[in-house]
Protein backbone atom coordinates (compact mmCIF):
# COMPACT_ATOMS: atom_id res chain seq x y z
CA MET A 1 -40.60 57.55 -48.07
CA ASN A 2 -41.63 56.13 -44.69
CA VAL A 3 -40.63 52.43 -44.53
CA GLY A 4 -41.90 50.16 -41.78
CA LEU A 5 -39.84 47.11 -40.84
CA THR A 6 -41.54 43.84 -39.88
CA TYR A 7 -39.43 41.02 -38.46
CA ASP A 8 -39.25 38.24 -35.87
CA LEU A 9 -36.55 39.02 -33.32
CA ARG A 10 -35.04 35.76 -32.11
CA SER A 11 -34.24 36.99 -28.59
CA ASP A 12 -37.91 37.90 -27.98
CA TYR A 13 -39.02 34.32 -28.64
CA LEU A 14 -36.18 32.82 -26.62
CA LYS A 15 -37.35 34.89 -23.66
CA GLU A 16 -40.81 33.38 -24.11
CA GLY A 17 -39.35 29.87 -23.72
CA PHE A 18 -38.97 28.74 -27.32
CA THR A 19 -35.91 26.61 -28.11
CA PRO A 20 -32.95 27.68 -30.29
CA GLU A 21 -34.08 25.24 -33.01
CA GLU A 22 -37.67 26.52 -32.93
CA THR A 23 -36.38 30.08 -33.41
CA ALA A 24 -33.62 29.24 -35.89
CA GLU A 25 -35.24 31.14 -38.75
CA PHE A 26 -35.69 34.34 -36.75
CA ASP A 27 -33.38 37.32 -36.84
CA LYS A 28 -30.77 38.69 -34.46
CA GLU A 29 -30.69 42.32 -33.40
CA GLU A 30 -27.65 42.91 -35.62
CA THR A 31 -29.70 41.95 -38.68
CA ILE A 32 -32.48 44.41 -37.88
CA ALA A 33 -29.95 47.13 -37.13
CA GLY A 34 -28.12 46.37 -40.37
CA ILE A 35 -31.25 46.70 -42.49
CA GLU A 36 -32.32 49.83 -40.64
CA ASN A 37 -28.92 51.49 -41.06
CA ALA A 38 -28.84 50.58 -44.77
CA LEU A 39 -32.32 52.03 -45.36
CA GLN A 40 -31.43 55.26 -43.61
CA THR A 41 -28.15 55.54 -45.50
CA LEU A 42 -30.13 55.17 -48.72
CA GLY A 43 -32.36 58.09 -47.73
CA TYR A 44 -35.43 56.27 -46.46
CA GLN A 45 -37.18 57.00 -43.18
CA SER A 46 -37.48 53.74 -41.27
CA GLU A 47 -39.57 52.60 -38.34
CA ARG A 48 -39.41 49.30 -36.49
CA ILE A 49 -42.77 47.52 -36.29
CA GLY A 50 -41.85 44.00 -35.17
CA HIS A 51 -43.65 40.68 -35.57
CA ALA A 52 -47.13 39.95 -36.94
CA ARG A 53 -48.97 40.51 -33.66
CA LYS A 54 -47.37 43.92 -33.24
CA LEU A 55 -48.25 44.75 -36.83
CA MET A 56 -51.90 43.83 -36.16
CA ASN A 57 -52.01 46.15 -33.16
CA GLU A 58 -50.50 49.00 -35.18
CA LEU A 59 -52.92 48.49 -38.07
CA LEU A 60 -55.91 48.42 -35.73
CA ALA A 61 -54.66 51.65 -34.18
CA GLY A 62 -54.75 53.28 -37.62
CA ARG A 63 -51.01 53.31 -38.35
CA ARG A 64 -49.88 53.31 -41.97
CA TRP A 65 -46.56 53.33 -43.89
CA ASP A 66 -45.66 54.12 -47.48
CA LEU A 67 -43.95 50.73 -47.73
CA VAL A 68 -43.15 47.83 -45.41
CA PHE A 69 -39.85 45.96 -45.58
CA ASN A 70 -41.06 42.53 -44.51
CA ILE A 71 -38.80 39.70 -43.32
CA CYS A 72 -41.28 37.99 -40.94
CA GLU A 73 -40.95 34.19 -40.97
CA GLY A 74 -43.83 33.44 -38.59
CA LEU A 75 -44.04 30.66 -36.02
CA TYR A 76 -46.79 28.14 -36.76
CA GLY A 77 -48.18 26.39 -39.84
CA ASP A 78 -47.26 26.26 -43.49
CA SER A 79 -48.85 29.67 -44.15
CA ARG A 80 -46.83 31.43 -41.44
CA GLU A 81 -44.73 33.42 -43.91
CA SER A 82 -47.88 34.55 -45.73
CA LEU A 83 -49.52 36.18 -42.71
CA VAL A 84 -47.82 39.59 -42.83
CA PRO A 85 -48.17 40.09 -46.61
CA ALA A 86 -51.84 39.09 -46.39
CA LEU A 87 -52.47 41.56 -43.55
CA LEU A 88 -50.74 44.34 -45.47
CA ASP A 89 -52.73 43.51 -48.61
CA ALA A 90 -55.95 43.79 -46.58
CA TYR A 91 -54.98 47.36 -45.69
CA ARG A 92 -53.58 48.11 -49.16
CA ILE A 93 -50.09 48.77 -47.80
CA PRO A 94 -47.37 47.70 -50.25
CA HIS A 95 -44.45 45.60 -49.08
CA VAL A 96 -40.98 44.52 -50.14
CA PHE A 97 -40.46 40.86 -51.11
CA SER A 98 -42.90 38.27 -52.38
CA GLY A 99 -46.63 38.14 -51.85
CA ALA A 100 -48.66 35.80 -49.68
CA VAL A 101 -49.34 33.24 -52.40
CA THR A 102 -45.69 32.89 -53.45
CA LEU A 103 -44.49 32.68 -49.85
CA GLY A 104 -47.06 30.01 -49.01
CA ILE A 105 -46.26 27.90 -52.07
CA SER A 106 -42.50 28.29 -51.62
CA LEU A 107 -42.59 27.25 -47.97
CA ASN A 108 -44.40 24.04 -48.92
CA LYS A 109 -41.52 22.44 -50.81
CA ALA A 110 -43.73 19.91 -52.61
CA PHE A 111 -46.07 22.60 -53.94
CA ALA A 112 -43.06 24.57 -55.18
CA LYS A 113 -41.55 21.50 -56.85
CA GLN A 114 -44.81 20.73 -58.63
CA ILE A 115 -44.78 24.18 -60.23
CA ILE A 116 -41.07 23.90 -61.02
CA ARG A 117 -41.54 20.46 -62.58
CA ASP A 118 -44.53 21.59 -64.64
CA ALA A 119 -42.49 24.57 -65.88
CA GLY A 120 -39.95 22.11 -67.31
CA ILE A 121 -37.21 22.98 -64.80
CA ASN A 122 -34.96 20.15 -63.63
CA THR A 123 -35.81 18.95 -60.10
CA PRO A 124 -35.54 15.45 -58.59
CA PRO A 125 -38.58 13.14 -58.50
CA PHE A 126 -40.27 13.18 -55.10
CA LEU A 127 -42.88 11.68 -52.80
CA VAL A 128 -44.86 13.32 -49.99
CA VAL A 129 -45.20 11.17 -46.87
CA THR A 130 -48.17 12.26 -44.78
CA LEU A 131 -48.68 8.99 -42.90
CA PRO A 132 -46.06 6.31 -42.06
CA GLY A 133 -47.69 3.86 -44.49
CA ASP A 134 -47.08 6.22 -47.43
CA VAL A 135 -43.48 4.97 -47.65
CA ASP A 136 -44.84 1.66 -48.98
CA ARG A 137 -45.69 3.32 -52.29
CA CYS A 138 -42.22 4.78 -52.79
CA ASN A 139 -40.88 3.90 -56.23
CA LEU A 140 -38.03 6.41 -56.28
CA THR A 141 -34.44 5.47 -57.07
CA TYR A 142 -32.17 5.21 -54.00
CA PRO A 143 -30.36 6.95 -52.41
CA LEU A 144 -33.09 9.30 -51.22
CA PHE A 145 -33.22 12.46 -49.15
CA ALA A 146 -35.92 13.24 -46.55
CA LYS A 147 -36.79 16.53 -44.84
CA PRO A 148 -39.83 18.29 -43.36
CA ILE A 149 -42.02 19.76 -46.07
CA ALA A 150 -42.25 23.28 -44.64
CA GLU A 151 -39.17 24.17 -42.59
CA GLY A 152 -36.11 26.32 -43.24
CA THR A 153 -32.58 26.90 -41.94
CA GLY A 154 -31.83 23.19 -42.25
CA LYS A 155 -34.35 22.21 -39.55
CA GLY A 156 -35.02 18.48 -39.64
CA ILE A 157 -32.00 17.82 -41.86
CA GLU A 158 -29.36 15.50 -40.37
CA ASN A 159 -26.66 13.13 -41.56
CA ARG A 160 -29.26 10.35 -41.66
CA SER A 161 -31.39 12.40 -44.06
CA VAL A 162 -29.51 10.60 -46.85
CA ILE A 163 -31.28 7.25 -47.09
CA THR A 164 -30.11 4.05 -48.78
CA THR A 165 -32.69 1.42 -47.72
CA PRO A 166 -36.48 1.14 -47.27
CA GLU A 167 -35.91 0.49 -43.57
CA GLN A 168 -33.99 3.75 -43.18
CA LEU A 169 -36.71 5.57 -45.10
CA ALA A 170 -39.47 4.27 -42.82
CA ALA A 171 -37.50 5.13 -39.68
CA MET A 172 -36.55 8.65 -40.81
CA CYS A 173 -40.07 9.51 -41.97
CA GLN A 174 -41.53 8.29 -38.68
CA TYR A 175 -39.02 10.42 -36.78
CA LEU A 176 -39.76 13.57 -38.81
CA LEU A 177 -43.52 13.08 -38.66
CA ASN A 178 -43.37 12.76 -34.88
CA LYS A 179 -41.02 15.70 -34.34
CA PHE A 180 -42.36 18.29 -36.76
CA ARG A 181 -46.03 17.28 -37.06
CA GLN A 182 -46.06 17.92 -40.80
CA PRO A 183 -45.60 15.87 -43.98
CA VAL A 184 -42.16 14.75 -45.11
CA LEU A 185 -40.71 15.49 -48.54
CA VAL A 186 -38.77 12.51 -49.91
CA GLU A 187 -36.83 13.04 -53.12
CA GLU A 188 -34.07 11.36 -55.05
CA TYR A 189 -30.72 12.40 -53.62
CA LEU A 190 -28.59 14.85 -55.59
CA PRO A 191 -24.97 13.66 -55.25
CA GLY A 192 -23.13 16.50 -56.98
CA ARG A 193 -21.88 20.00 -56.23
CA GLU A 194 -24.13 22.36 -54.28
CA PHE A 195 -24.74 26.04 -55.02
CA THR A 196 -26.89 28.90 -53.82
CA VAL A 197 -27.83 31.67 -56.24
CA GLY A 198 -28.72 35.25 -55.33
CA ILE A 199 -31.36 37.07 -57.36
CA VAL A 200 -32.57 40.68 -57.36
CA GLY A 201 -35.41 42.09 -59.43
CA ASN A 202 -38.71 41.10 -60.97
CA GLY A 203 -39.83 39.39 -64.15
CA ASP A 204 -37.66 40.21 -67.14
CA HIS A 205 -35.61 42.57 -64.96
CA ALA A 206 -34.65 39.86 -62.46
CA HIS A 207 -30.95 39.10 -62.55
CA VAL A 208 -28.38 37.01 -60.70
CA VAL A 209 -26.11 39.02 -58.39
CA GLY A 210 -23.86 36.04 -57.83
CA ALA A 211 -23.67 32.40 -56.86
CA MET A 212 -21.49 30.52 -54.42
CA GLU A 213 -20.64 26.88 -53.91
CA VAL A 214 -21.17 25.24 -50.54
CA ILE A 215 -18.03 23.16 -49.83
CA TYR A 216 -17.88 20.80 -46.87
CA GLY A 217 -14.69 20.38 -44.87
CA GLN A 218 -12.81 17.15 -44.31
CA GLY A 219 -14.78 14.80 -42.11
CA VAL A 220 -18.02 16.80 -42.52
CA ASN A 221 -20.90 14.99 -44.21
CA ASP A 222 -22.04 16.96 -47.25
CA VAL A 223 -25.48 17.72 -45.84
CA TYR A 224 -26.47 21.35 -45.28
CA SER A 225 -28.05 20.50 -41.96
CA TYR A 226 -29.32 22.70 -39.14
CA ASP A 227 -26.22 21.81 -37.13
CA ASN A 228 -23.84 22.61 -39.99
CA LYS A 229 -25.58 25.92 -40.70
CA GLU A 230 -25.51 26.97 -37.04
CA ASN A 231 -21.84 25.97 -36.67
CA TYR A 232 -20.51 26.54 -40.17
CA GLU A 233 -17.18 28.06 -39.18
CA GLY A 234 -14.48 25.43 -39.61
CA ARG A 235 -16.92 23.02 -41.24
CA ILE A 236 -18.06 24.76 -44.41
CA ARG A 237 -16.48 27.24 -46.75
CA TYR A 238 -17.99 29.17 -49.62
CA GLU A 239 -16.47 29.88 -53.01
CA SER A 240 -17.71 32.22 -55.70
CA VAL A 241 -18.91 30.56 -58.90
CA SER A 242 -18.03 31.71 -62.42
CA GLY A 243 -17.93 30.47 -65.99
CA ASP A 244 -20.15 27.67 -67.24
CA TRP A 245 -21.26 26.57 -63.77
CA LEU A 246 -22.52 30.08 -63.03
CA LYS A 247 -24.37 30.12 -66.35
CA GLN A 248 -26.06 26.78 -65.59
CA CYS A 249 -26.95 27.81 -62.04
CA ALA A 250 -28.29 31.17 -63.18
CA ASP A 251 -30.45 29.57 -65.88
CA VAL A 252 -32.19 27.21 -63.42
CA ALA A 253 -32.48 29.86 -60.69
CA LEU A 254 -33.99 32.59 -62.87
CA LYS A 255 -36.49 30.20 -64.45
CA ALA A 256 -37.53 29.02 -60.98
CA TRP A 257 -37.73 32.60 -59.66
CA ASN A 258 -40.15 33.64 -62.38
CA ALA A 259 -42.13 30.39 -62.40
CA LEU A 260 -42.93 30.99 -58.71
CA ASN A 261 -43.54 34.73 -59.24
CA ALA A 262 -40.98 35.77 -56.63
CA TRP A 263 -40.34 39.47 -56.07
CA ASP A 264 -37.51 41.89 -55.36
CA GLY A 265 -34.75 39.63 -53.98
CA GLY A 266 -33.94 36.22 -52.59
CA ARG A 267 -32.09 32.97 -53.20
CA VAL A 268 -32.51 29.74 -55.11
CA ASP A 269 -30.66 26.61 -53.95
CA VAL A 270 -29.50 24.11 -56.57
CA ARG A 271 -27.41 20.96 -56.72
CA VAL A 272 -26.02 18.74 -59.46
CA ASP A 273 -27.90 15.49 -60.08
CA ARG A 274 -26.44 12.09 -60.95
CA PHE A 275 -26.61 12.99 -64.65
CA GLY A 276 -24.41 16.06 -64.17
CA LYS A 277 -27.22 18.61 -64.58
CA VAL A 278 -28.01 21.47 -62.22
CA SER A 279 -31.25 20.71 -60.39
CA PHE A 280 -33.61 22.90 -58.36
CA ILE A 281 -33.73 22.14 -54.62
CA GLU A 282 -35.79 24.98 -53.18
CA ILE A 283 -36.37 28.72 -53.28
CA ASN A 284 -35.96 31.18 -50.43
CA PRO A 285 -37.97 34.32 -51.24
CA LEU A 286 -37.34 35.58 -47.68
CA ALA A 287 -33.60 35.06 -47.66
CA GLY A 288 -31.59 35.80 -44.53
CA LEU A 289 -30.16 39.32 -44.45
CA ASN A 290 -27.65 39.23 -41.62
CA PRO A 291 -24.89 41.55 -42.89
CA VAL A 292 -22.12 39.10 -41.97
CA HIS A 293 -23.43 35.55 -41.80
CA SER A 294 -26.34 35.19 -44.25
CA ASP A 295 -25.80 33.55 -47.63
CA LEU A 296 -27.26 36.31 -49.82
CA PRO A 297 -25.04 39.09 -48.38
CA ILE A 298 -22.03 36.73 -48.44
CA LEU A 299 -22.37 35.82 -52.12
CA SER A 300 -23.14 39.43 -53.02
CA ARG A 301 -20.00 40.58 -51.23
CA MET A 302 -18.00 37.97 -53.15
CA ASN A 303 -19.19 39.71 -56.29
CA GLY A 304 -18.37 43.25 -55.22
CA ILE A 305 -21.80 44.19 -53.87
CA GLU A 306 -21.62 45.52 -50.33
CA TYR A 307 -24.52 45.25 -47.91
CA THR A 308 -26.02 48.72 -48.26
CA GLN A 309 -25.80 48.41 -52.04
CA LEU A 310 -27.62 45.07 -51.89
CA ILE A 311 -30.44 46.55 -49.79
CA GLY A 312 -30.57 49.46 -52.22
CA MET A 313 -30.93 47.11 -55.19
CA ILE A 314 -33.76 45.28 -53.44
CA MET A 315 -35.50 48.56 -52.59
CA ASP A 316 -35.07 49.85 -56.14
CA ALA A 317 -36.69 46.68 -57.49
CA ALA A 318 -39.60 46.99 -55.04
CA VAL A 319 -40.15 50.71 -55.70
CA LYS A 320 -40.08 50.17 -59.46
CA ARG A 321 -42.60 47.32 -59.10
CA ILE A 322 -44.96 49.15 -56.74
CA PHE A 323 -44.54 52.80 -57.74
CA PRO A 324 -43.53 52.77 -61.41
CA GLY A 325 -42.22 56.15 -62.45
CA ASN A 326 -41.84 57.41 -58.89
CA GLY A 327 -38.79 57.70 -56.63
CA LYS A 328 -38.39 57.87 -52.90
């Protein structure tokens, strides 16, 4: 099977003058090489395509692939992750990972939370701030947490994201509106333990490959910020989760995964609320796949699943979904 690989290479955008924060979600060369090596080890033929603009050029030139392994994050707008799946759908080329609708909804954290809430899954009450004056109608219980509505990799999350007064709320929302030019998601703060849950598979066949707790070091504020994610060594450690906590995390994560119709593999982030219950934070249907540093490979490795095996499980799920009854 000929597998194309679509991705955003961070170094390409840095050369074009984008900042490290603007390109934080994009991939390093070692990630692309890791995926490519895993695919080839598994018996697939792989070909690097690159970002969405390169994909467009290849499609217009008449190029086709049996399957595309898509990890493109995109650069602008809250539909940026949906662009590549939508293009591939237009040419009837199947792809690994979730479709355009799921990626668009999941990137907009408020849209995702509305579906999660309506599915009866625990998630904190929230408010969307589109204009500075919207904070005046906030009736949530403090402390609160504020972040951009459609960013990843901790962008826009800082120590001051935890808010205890209306004055802090107004100031933080104004700051985020000015910096990111998008609405702000404000939700009731979750004070308890924090976990991320890895999932592989689809529908009734989706299963948890493991979960890990995010534990903050002494003197480090327990906020999974952009700065903490970029400089996690010495600040944050991860521990595998088992027993009842794993069961609770898995229950919330799998329900969220299927409520949002996510495909093949990814992560769901959860945290314990003030009542002691595991609560949905957000879903990452395009989870990072750096072999060493990304959360999904880390938690898989903690549970005895090495990188090539993880990629193989994701590919098996995609092939079964797209080509039922067929192999490579």
